[in-house]
């Protein structure tokens, strides 16, 4: 077969270092646009993105030309550098070391998009740690409390 096809949709979640509530409303839209551009350069088109003060959710179609860890590393590195240059508020900004990356079947893309869109309302009821534990359990990857919260 001479043609290589790929249809891998990824739901990526990671937080700020120590879940510090640093992502301000006034910069989030620009941050989302910057990450969208980074994904475009990596041939991994964005499907949905949203964040709250201490973490971000990104849904994208993963490129067949780049390893998942390379894509995540580039998103985190590039966006961290960009946000540090925005304002003194972000001078010591860091993302957490780890991340959660989960595949999404084509029939579940729309519900995941809606879940990502509703993050502000969702987090009025539930904190990130509770959400992330539940999310990982649901995806068959329970968290190891010794390592997940940096």
N, C-alpha and C. Protein backbone atom coordinates (compact mmCIF):
# COMPACT_ATOMS: atom_id res chain seq x y z
N UNK A 1 0.85 -1.17 0.00
CA UNK A 1 0.00 0.00 0.00
C UNK A 1 0.90 1.24 0.00
N UNK A 2 0.70 2.11 -0.96
CA UNK A 2 1.56 3.29 -1.08
C UNK A 2 1.04 4.50 -0.30
N UNK A 3 -0.19 4.44 0.14
CA UNK A 3 -0.77 5.57 0.87
C UNK A 3 -0.78 5.28 2.37
N UNK A 4 -0.37 6.27 3.15
CA UNK A 4 -0.39 6.15 4.61
C UNK A 4 -1.51 7.02 5.16
N UNK A 5 -2.44 6.41 5.87
CA UNK A 5 -3.58 7.13 6.42
C UNK A 5 -3.54 7.09 7.94
N UNK A 6 -4.01 8.14 8.54
CA UNK A 6 -4.04 8.22 10.00
C UNK A 6 -5.24 9.06 10.41
N UNK A 7 -5.95 8.60 11.43
CA UNK A 7 -7.06 9.37 11.99
C UNK A 7 -7.03 9.19 13.51
N UNK A 8 -6.08 9.85 14.14
CA UNK A 8 -5.92 9.75 15.59
C UNK A 8 -6.26 11.10 16.20
N UNK A 9 -7.33 11.12 16.96
CA UNK A 9 -7.75 12.34 17.66
C UNK A 9 -7.32 12.20 19.11
N UNK A 10 -6.70 13.25 19.62
CA UNK A 10 -6.10 13.23 20.96
C UNK A 10 -6.72 14.31 21.85
N UNK A 11 -7.03 13.92 23.08
CA UNK A 11 -7.45 14.87 24.12
C UNK A 11 -6.26 14.99 25.07
N UNK A 12 -5.65 16.17 25.07
CA UNK A 12 -4.46 16.46 25.86
C UNK A 12 -4.83 17.37 27.02
N UNK A 13 -4.35 17.03 28.22
CA UNK A 13 -4.63 17.82 29.42
C UNK A 13 -3.34 17.99 30.20
N UNK A 14 -3.04 19.22 30.60
CA UNK A 14 -1.94 19.45 31.52
C UNK A 14 -2.20 20.74 32.29
N UNK A 15 -1.50 20.87 33.41
CA UNK A 15 -1.74 22.02 34.28
C UNK A 15 -0.52 22.92 34.37
N UNK A 16 -0.72 24.04 35.01
CA UNK A 16 0.40 24.90 35.35
C UNK A 16 1.20 24.19 36.44
N UNK A 17 2.46 24.55 36.59
CA UNK A 17 3.31 23.97 37.64
C UNK A 17 2.64 24.18 38.99
N UNK A 18 2.51 23.09 39.75
CA UNK A 18 1.87 23.10 41.07
C UNK A 18 0.43 23.60 41.03
N UNK A 19 -0.18 23.54 39.85
CA UNK A 19 -1.56 23.98 39.65
C UNK A 19 -1.80 25.40 40.11
N UNK A 20 -0.79 26.22 39.96
CA UNK A 20 -0.93 27.63 40.34
C UNK A 20 -1.92 28.31 39.39
N UNK A 21 -2.84 29.11 39.91
CA UNK A 21 -3.88 29.74 39.08
C UNK A 21 -3.36 30.97 38.34
N UNK A 22 -2.51 30.73 37.34
CA UNK A 22 -1.82 31.83 36.67
C UNK A 22 -2.43 32.26 35.34
N UNK A 23 -3.23 31.41 34.72
CA UNK A 23 -3.74 31.74 33.39
C UNK A 23 -4.88 32.75 33.51
N UNK A 24 -4.56 34.00 33.20
CA UNK A 24 -5.54 35.08 33.35
C UNK A 24 -6.47 35.13 32.15
N UNK A 25 -7.69 35.55 32.41
CA UNK A 25 -8.71 35.65 31.35
C UNK A 25 -8.22 36.46 30.16
N UNK A 26 -7.54 37.57 30.44
CA UNK A 26 -7.16 38.49 29.36
C UNK A 26 -6.13 37.91 28.39
N UNK A 27 -5.38 36.87 28.79
CA UNK A 27 -4.40 36.27 27.88
C UNK A 27 -4.83 34.92 27.32
N UNK A 28 -5.87 34.33 27.85
CA UNK A 28 -6.21 32.97 27.43
C UNK A 28 -6.53 32.85 25.95
N UNK A 29 -7.27 33.79 25.40
CA UNK A 29 -7.60 33.73 23.98
C UNK A 29 -6.36 33.76 23.11
N UNK A 30 -5.41 34.63 23.45
CA UNK A 30 -4.15 34.70 22.71
C UNK A 30 -3.34 33.42 22.88
N UNK A 31 -3.34 32.87 24.09
CA UNK A 31 -2.63 31.60 24.34
C UNK A 31 -3.21 30.50 23.48
N UNK A 32 -4.52 30.42 23.41
CA UNK A 32 -5.18 29.40 22.59
C UNK A 32 -4.80 29.57 21.12
N UNK A 33 -4.78 30.81 20.65
CA UNK A 33 -4.40 31.08 19.26
C UNK A 33 -2.95 30.68 19.01
N UNK A 34 -2.07 30.96 19.96
CA UNK A 34 -0.66 30.60 19.82
C UNK A 34 -0.50 29.08 19.74
N UNK A 35 -1.18 28.36 20.61
CA UNK A 35 -1.11 26.90 20.58
C UNK A 35 -1.70 26.35 19.29
N UNK A 36 -2.77 26.97 18.80
CA UNK A 36 -3.35 26.57 17.52
C UNK A 36 -2.31 26.67 16.41
N UNK A 37 -1.55 27.77 16.39
CA UNK A 37 -0.49 27.95 15.40
C UNK A 37 0.61 26.92 15.54
N UNK A 38 0.97 26.59 16.77
CA UNK A 38 2.00 25.57 17.01
C UNK A 38 1.53 24.22 16.47
N UNK A 39 0.29 23.87 16.73
CA UNK A 39 -0.25 22.61 16.22
C UNK A 39 -0.29 22.59 14.69
N UNK A 40 -0.63 23.72 14.10
CA UNK A 40 -0.67 23.80 12.64
C UNK A 40 0.72 23.52 12.05
N UNK A 41 1.76 24.09 12.67
CA UNK A 41 3.14 23.85 12.21
C UNK A 41 3.52 22.38 12.33
N UNK A 42 2.89 21.67 13.24
CA UNK A 42 3.17 20.25 13.46
C UNK A 42 2.19 19.34 12.71
N UNK A 43 1.47 19.90 11.74
CA UNK A 43 0.49 19.14 10.94
C UNK A 43 -0.53 18.42 11.81
N UNK A 44 -0.92 19.04 12.90
CA UNK A 44 -1.86 18.45 13.86
C UNK A 44 -2.98 19.45 14.15
N UNK A 45 -3.97 19.54 13.26
CA UNK A 45 -4.98 20.59 13.38
C UNK A 45 -5.78 20.53 14.68
N UNK A 46 -5.99 21.71 15.23
CA UNK A 46 -6.79 21.86 16.44
C UNK A 46 -8.26 21.57 16.14
N UNK A 47 -8.90 20.90 17.07
CA UNK A 47 -10.34 20.68 17.00
C UNK A 47 -11.04 21.56 18.04
N UNK A 48 -10.50 21.57 19.26
CA UNK A 48 -11.07 22.39 20.34
C UNK A 48 -9.99 22.68 21.37
N UNK A 49 -10.09 23.83 22.01
CA UNK A 49 -9.16 24.19 23.08
C UNK A 49 -9.89 25.07 24.08
N UNK A 50 -9.57 24.88 25.35
CA UNK A 50 -10.09 25.76 26.39
C UNK A 50 -9.22 25.59 27.62
N UNK A 51 -9.22 26.60 28.45
CA UNK A 51 -8.44 26.55 29.67
C UNK A 51 -9.17 27.30 30.77
N UNK A 52 -8.76 27.01 31.98
CA UNK A 52 -9.17 27.77 33.15
C UNK A 52 -7.87 28.23 33.82
N UNK A 53 -7.95 28.78 34.99
CA UNK A 53 -6.77 29.42 35.61
C UNK A 53 -5.58 28.49 35.81
N UNK A 54 -5.83 27.18 36.00
CA UNK A 54 -4.72 26.30 36.35
C UNK A 54 -4.46 25.13 35.41
N UNK A 55 -5.22 25.01 34.32
CA UNK A 55 -4.94 23.91 33.38
C UNK A 55 -5.61 24.16 32.03
N UNK A 56 -5.23 23.31 31.08
CA UNK A 56 -5.70 23.47 29.70
C UNK A 56 -6.11 22.11 29.13
N UNK A 57 -7.12 22.13 28.27
CA UNK A 57 -7.57 20.96 27.52
C UNK A 57 -7.40 21.28 26.04
N UNK A 58 -6.80 20.37 25.29
CA UNK A 58 -6.58 20.56 23.86
C UNK A 58 -7.02 19.29 23.13
N UNK A 59 -7.90 19.43 22.16
CA UNK A 59 -8.35 18.32 21.33
C UNK A 59 -7.83 18.58 19.93
N UNK A 60 -7.06 17.63 19.38
CA UNK A 60 -6.47 17.84 18.06
C UNK A 60 -6.33 16.52 17.31
N UNK A 61 -6.18 16.64 15.99
CA UNK A 61 -5.92 15.48 15.14
C UNK A 61 -4.40 15.32 15.04
N UNK A 62 -3.90 14.23 15.56
CA UNK A 62 -2.45 14.02 15.63
C UNK A 62 -1.86 13.70 14.27
N UNK A 63 -0.79 14.39 13.93
CA UNK A 63 -0.06 14.15 12.69
C UNK A 63 0.55 12.76 12.67
N UNK A 64 0.58 12.15 11.51
CA UNK A 64 1.27 10.87 11.37
C UNK A 64 2.77 11.07 11.21
N UNK A 65 3.20 12.32 11.07
CA UNK A 65 4.61 12.62 10.83
C UNK A 65 5.39 13.00 12.08
N UNK A 66 4.72 13.11 13.23
CA UNK A 66 5.40 13.52 14.46
C UNK A 66 4.98 12.62 15.61
N UNK A 67 5.94 12.25 16.43
CA UNK A 67 5.67 11.43 17.61
C UNK A 67 4.83 12.23 18.61
N UNK A 68 3.95 11.55 19.33
CA UNK A 68 3.12 12.26 20.32
C UNK A 68 3.93 13.08 21.32
N UNK A 69 5.00 12.53 21.85
CA UNK A 69 5.81 13.26 22.84
C UNK A 69 6.43 14.51 22.23
N UNK A 70 6.78 14.47 20.95
CA UNK A 70 7.34 15.65 20.28
C UNK A 70 6.27 16.74 20.18
N UNK A 71 5.06 16.37 19.83
CA UNK A 71 3.97 17.34 19.71
C UNK A 71 3.70 17.99 21.07
N UNK A 72 3.56 17.18 22.10
CA UNK A 72 3.28 17.72 23.43
C UNK A 72 4.43 18.60 23.91
N UNK A 73 5.66 18.12 23.72
CA UNK A 73 6.82 18.90 24.14
C UNK A 73 6.89 20.25 23.45
N UNK A 74 6.58 20.27 22.17
CA UNK A 74 6.62 21.52 21.42
C UNK A 74 5.50 22.47 21.87
N UNK A 75 4.30 21.93 22.11
CA UNK A 75 3.20 22.77 22.60
C UNK A 75 3.59 23.42 23.92
N UNK A 76 4.09 22.62 24.84
CA UNK A 76 4.41 23.13 26.17
C UNK A 76 5.60 24.10 26.14
N UNK A 77 6.64 23.74 25.43
CA UNK A 77 7.83 24.59 25.37
C UNK A 77 7.54 25.93 24.69
N UNK A 78 6.93 25.86 23.52
CA UNK A 78 6.66 27.09 22.76
C UNK A 78 5.69 28.00 23.50
N UNK A 79 4.62 27.43 24.04
CA UNK A 79 3.62 28.27 24.72
C UNK A 79 4.16 28.83 26.03
N UNK A 80 4.99 28.09 26.72
CA UNK A 80 5.60 28.59 27.95
C UNK A 80 6.50 29.79 27.65
N UNK A 81 7.32 29.67 26.62
CA UNK A 81 8.17 30.79 26.21
C UNK A 81 7.36 32.00 25.80
N UNK A 82 6.30 31.76 25.04
CA UNK A 82 5.45 32.85 24.58
C UNK A 82 4.80 33.57 25.76
N UNK A 83 4.23 32.80 26.68
CA UNK A 83 3.48 33.42 27.78
C UNK A 83 4.41 34.16 28.74
N UNK A 84 5.63 33.69 28.92
CA UNK A 84 6.59 34.40 29.79
C UNK A 84 6.90 35.80 29.25
N UNK A 85 6.83 35.96 27.94
CA UNK A 85 7.10 37.25 27.32
C UNK A 85 5.92 38.20 27.31
N UNK A 86 4.75 37.74 27.73
CA UNK A 86 3.54 38.57 27.68
C UNK A 86 3.49 39.64 28.76
N UNK A 87 3.93 39.31 29.98
CA UNK A 87 3.71 40.22 31.10
C UNK A 87 4.59 39.77 32.27
N UNK A 88 4.99 40.70 33.11
CA UNK A 88 5.78 40.34 34.30
C UNK A 88 5.07 39.33 35.19
N UNK A 89 3.74 39.35 35.15
CA UNK A 89 2.93 38.40 35.91
C UNK A 89 3.39 36.97 35.64
N UNK A 90 3.83 36.69 34.42
CA UNK A 90 4.17 35.33 34.00
C UNK A 90 5.67 35.03 34.04
N UNK A 91 6.46 35.89 34.64
CA UNK A 91 7.91 35.74 34.60
C UNK A 91 8.39 34.34 34.99
N UNK A 92 7.85 33.74 36.03
CA UNK A 92 8.27 32.41 36.46
C UNK A 92 7.35 31.30 35.99
N UNK A 93 6.57 31.56 34.95
CA UNK A 93 5.57 30.59 34.50
C UNK A 93 6.21 29.28 34.04
N UNK A 94 5.56 28.18 34.41
CA UNK A 94 5.93 26.85 33.93
C UNK A 94 4.68 25.99 33.83
N UNK A 95 4.70 25.08 32.87
CA UNK A 95 3.70 24.02 32.85
C UNK A 95 4.21 22.89 33.74
N UNK A 96 3.30 22.03 34.19
CA UNK A 96 3.72 20.86 34.94
C UNK A 96 4.59 19.98 34.03
N UNK A 97 5.39 19.11 34.62
CA UNK A 97 6.26 18.25 33.83
C UNK A 97 5.47 17.25 33.00
N UNK A 98 4.49 16.61 33.61
CA UNK A 98 3.73 15.56 32.93
C UNK A 98 2.52 16.07 32.18
N UNK A 99 1.73 15.14 31.70
CA UNK A 99 0.51 15.46 30.96
C UNK A 99 -0.33 14.20 30.84
N UNK A 100 -1.58 14.38 30.47
CA UNK A 100 -2.46 13.28 30.14
C UNK A 100 -2.83 13.39 28.67
N UNK A 101 -2.66 12.30 27.95
CA UNK A 101 -2.96 12.28 26.52
C UNK A 101 -3.80 11.03 26.24
N UNK A 102 -5.00 11.23 25.72
CA UNK A 102 -5.93 10.14 25.55
C UNK A 102 -6.53 10.16 24.15
N UNK A 103 -6.66 8.98 23.55
CA UNK A 103 -7.26 8.90 22.23
C UNK A 103 -8.78 9.06 22.34
N UNK A 104 -9.35 9.61 21.29
CA UNK A 104 -10.80 9.85 21.23
C UNK A 104 -11.32 9.21 19.95
N UNK A 105 -12.30 8.33 20.09
CA UNK A 105 -12.88 7.71 18.90
C UNK A 105 -13.69 8.74 18.12
N UNK A 106 -13.81 8.56 16.80
CA UNK A 106 -14.56 9.53 15.99
C UNK A 106 -15.97 9.80 16.50
N UNK A 107 -16.64 8.79 17.03
CA UNK A 107 -18.01 9.01 17.51
C UNK A 107 -18.07 9.80 18.82
N UNK A 108 -16.92 9.99 19.48
CA UNK A 108 -16.90 10.74 20.74
C UNK A 108 -16.30 12.13 20.62
N UNK A 109 -15.92 12.53 19.44
CA UNK A 109 -15.30 13.85 19.26
C UNK A 109 -16.25 14.97 19.69
N UNK A 110 -17.50 14.93 19.25
CA UNK A 110 -18.43 16.01 19.60
C UNK A 110 -18.69 16.11 21.11
N UNK A 111 -18.93 15.01 21.82
CA UNK A 111 -19.08 15.13 23.27
C UNK A 111 -17.82 15.66 23.97
N UNK A 112 -16.65 15.28 23.50
CA UNK A 112 -15.41 15.78 24.10
C UNK A 112 -15.26 17.27 23.80
N UNK A 113 -15.61 17.69 22.60
CA UNK A 113 -15.58 19.13 22.28
C UNK A 113 -16.47 19.91 23.24
N UNK A 114 -17.66 19.41 23.47
CA UNK A 114 -18.59 20.09 24.37
C UNK A 114 -18.04 20.11 25.79
N UNK A 115 -17.45 19.03 26.22
CA UNK A 115 -16.84 18.97 27.55
C UNK A 115 -15.75 20.03 27.68
N UNK A 116 -14.92 20.17 26.67
CA UNK A 116 -13.84 21.16 26.69
C UNK A 116 -14.42 22.57 26.69
N UNK A 117 -15.42 22.81 25.89
CA UNK A 117 -16.06 24.14 25.84
C UNK A 117 -16.65 24.53 27.20
N UNK A 118 -17.14 23.55 27.94
CA UNK A 118 -17.84 23.86 29.19
C UNK A 118 -16.92 23.86 30.41
N UNK A 119 -15.63 23.98 30.22
CA UNK A 119 -14.69 23.96 31.34
C UNK A 119 -14.98 24.99 32.43
N UNK A 120 -15.24 26.24 32.12
CA UNK A 120 -15.51 27.20 33.21
C UNK A 120 -16.70 26.79 34.09
N UNK A 121 -17.78 26.34 33.47
CA UNK A 121 -18.94 25.90 34.24
C UNK A 121 -18.61 24.64 35.03
N UNK A 122 -17.89 23.73 34.40
CA UNK A 122 -17.52 22.48 35.05
C UNK A 122 -16.68 22.74 36.31
N UNK A 123 -15.74 23.67 36.22
CA UNK A 123 -14.85 23.92 37.35
C UNK A 123 -15.45 24.84 38.40
N UNK A 124 -16.64 25.29 38.18
CA UNK A 124 -17.37 25.95 39.26
C UNK A 124 -17.84 24.90 40.27
N UNK A 125 -17.89 23.62 39.82
CA UNK A 125 -18.37 22.52 40.66
C UNK A 125 -17.28 21.55 41.10
N UNK A 126 -16.18 21.48 40.35
CA UNK A 126 -15.18 20.45 40.60
C UNK A 126 -13.78 21.00 40.36
N UNK A 127 -12.83 20.71 41.26
CA UNK A 127 -11.46 21.19 41.07
C UNK A 127 -10.70 20.29 40.09
N UNK A 128 -9.53 20.76 39.66
CA UNK A 128 -8.76 20.05 38.66
C UNK A 128 -8.31 18.67 39.13
N UNK A 129 -7.85 18.55 40.36
CA UNK A 129 -7.38 17.25 40.85
C UNK A 129 -8.49 16.20 40.78
N UNK A 130 -9.67 16.57 41.22
CA UNK A 130 -10.80 15.64 41.19
C UNK A 130 -11.14 15.28 39.75
N UNK A 131 -11.20 16.29 38.88
CA UNK A 131 -11.49 16.05 37.47
C UNK A 131 -10.46 15.12 36.85
N UNK A 132 -9.19 15.39 37.09
CA UNK A 132 -8.12 14.63 36.45
C UNK A 132 -8.10 13.18 36.95
N UNK A 133 -8.28 12.98 38.24
CA UNK A 133 -8.35 11.61 38.77
C UNK A 133 -9.48 10.83 38.09
N UNK A 134 -10.66 11.44 38.04
CA UNK A 134 -11.83 10.80 37.43
C UNK A 134 -11.60 10.53 35.95
N UNK A 135 -11.02 11.51 35.27
CA UNK A 135 -10.75 11.39 33.84
C UNK A 135 -9.79 10.24 33.56
N UNK A 136 -8.74 10.14 34.34
CA UNK A 136 -7.75 9.07 34.15
C UNK A 136 -8.35 7.71 34.46
N UNK A 137 -9.11 7.60 35.53
CA UNK A 137 -9.78 6.34 35.88
C UNK A 137 -10.70 5.90 34.75
N UNK A 138 -11.48 6.84 34.23
CA UNK A 138 -12.42 6.55 33.15
C UNK A 138 -11.69 6.03 31.91
N UNK A 139 -10.46 6.49 31.70
CA UNK A 139 -9.67 6.07 30.55
C UNK A 139 -8.72 4.92 30.87
N UNK A 140 -8.93 4.26 32.01
CA UNK A 140 -8.14 3.09 32.35
C UNK A 140 -6.71 3.38 32.75
N UNK A 141 -6.44 4.60 33.18
CA UNK A 141 -5.09 5.02 33.57
C UNK A 141 -5.14 5.73 34.92
N UNK A 142 -5.33 4.98 36.01
CA UNK A 142 -5.38 5.64 37.31
C UNK A 142 -4.07 6.37 37.61
N UNK A 143 -4.18 7.50 38.28
CA UNK A 143 -3.00 8.32 38.57
C UNK A 143 -2.21 7.72 39.73
N UNK A 144 -0.92 7.95 39.71
CA UNK A 144 -0.05 7.61 40.83
C UNK A 144 0.20 8.91 41.58
N UNK A 145 -0.45 9.06 42.71
CA UNK A 145 -0.42 10.31 43.47
C UNK A 145 1.00 10.77 43.81
N UNK A 146 1.96 9.87 43.82
CA UNK A 146 3.34 10.25 44.14
C UNK A 146 3.97 11.09 43.04
N UNK A 147 3.47 10.96 41.82
CA UNK A 147 4.16 11.59 40.70
C UNK A 147 3.33 12.57 39.89
N UNK A 148 2.04 12.55 40.02
CA UNK A 148 1.20 13.30 39.10
C UNK A 148 1.09 14.78 39.42
N UNK A 149 1.27 15.18 40.66
CA UNK A 149 0.98 16.56 41.04
C UNK A 149 2.23 17.40 41.20
N UNK A 150 2.87 17.74 40.10
CA UNK A 150 4.03 18.66 40.18
C UNK A 150 3.67 20.02 39.65
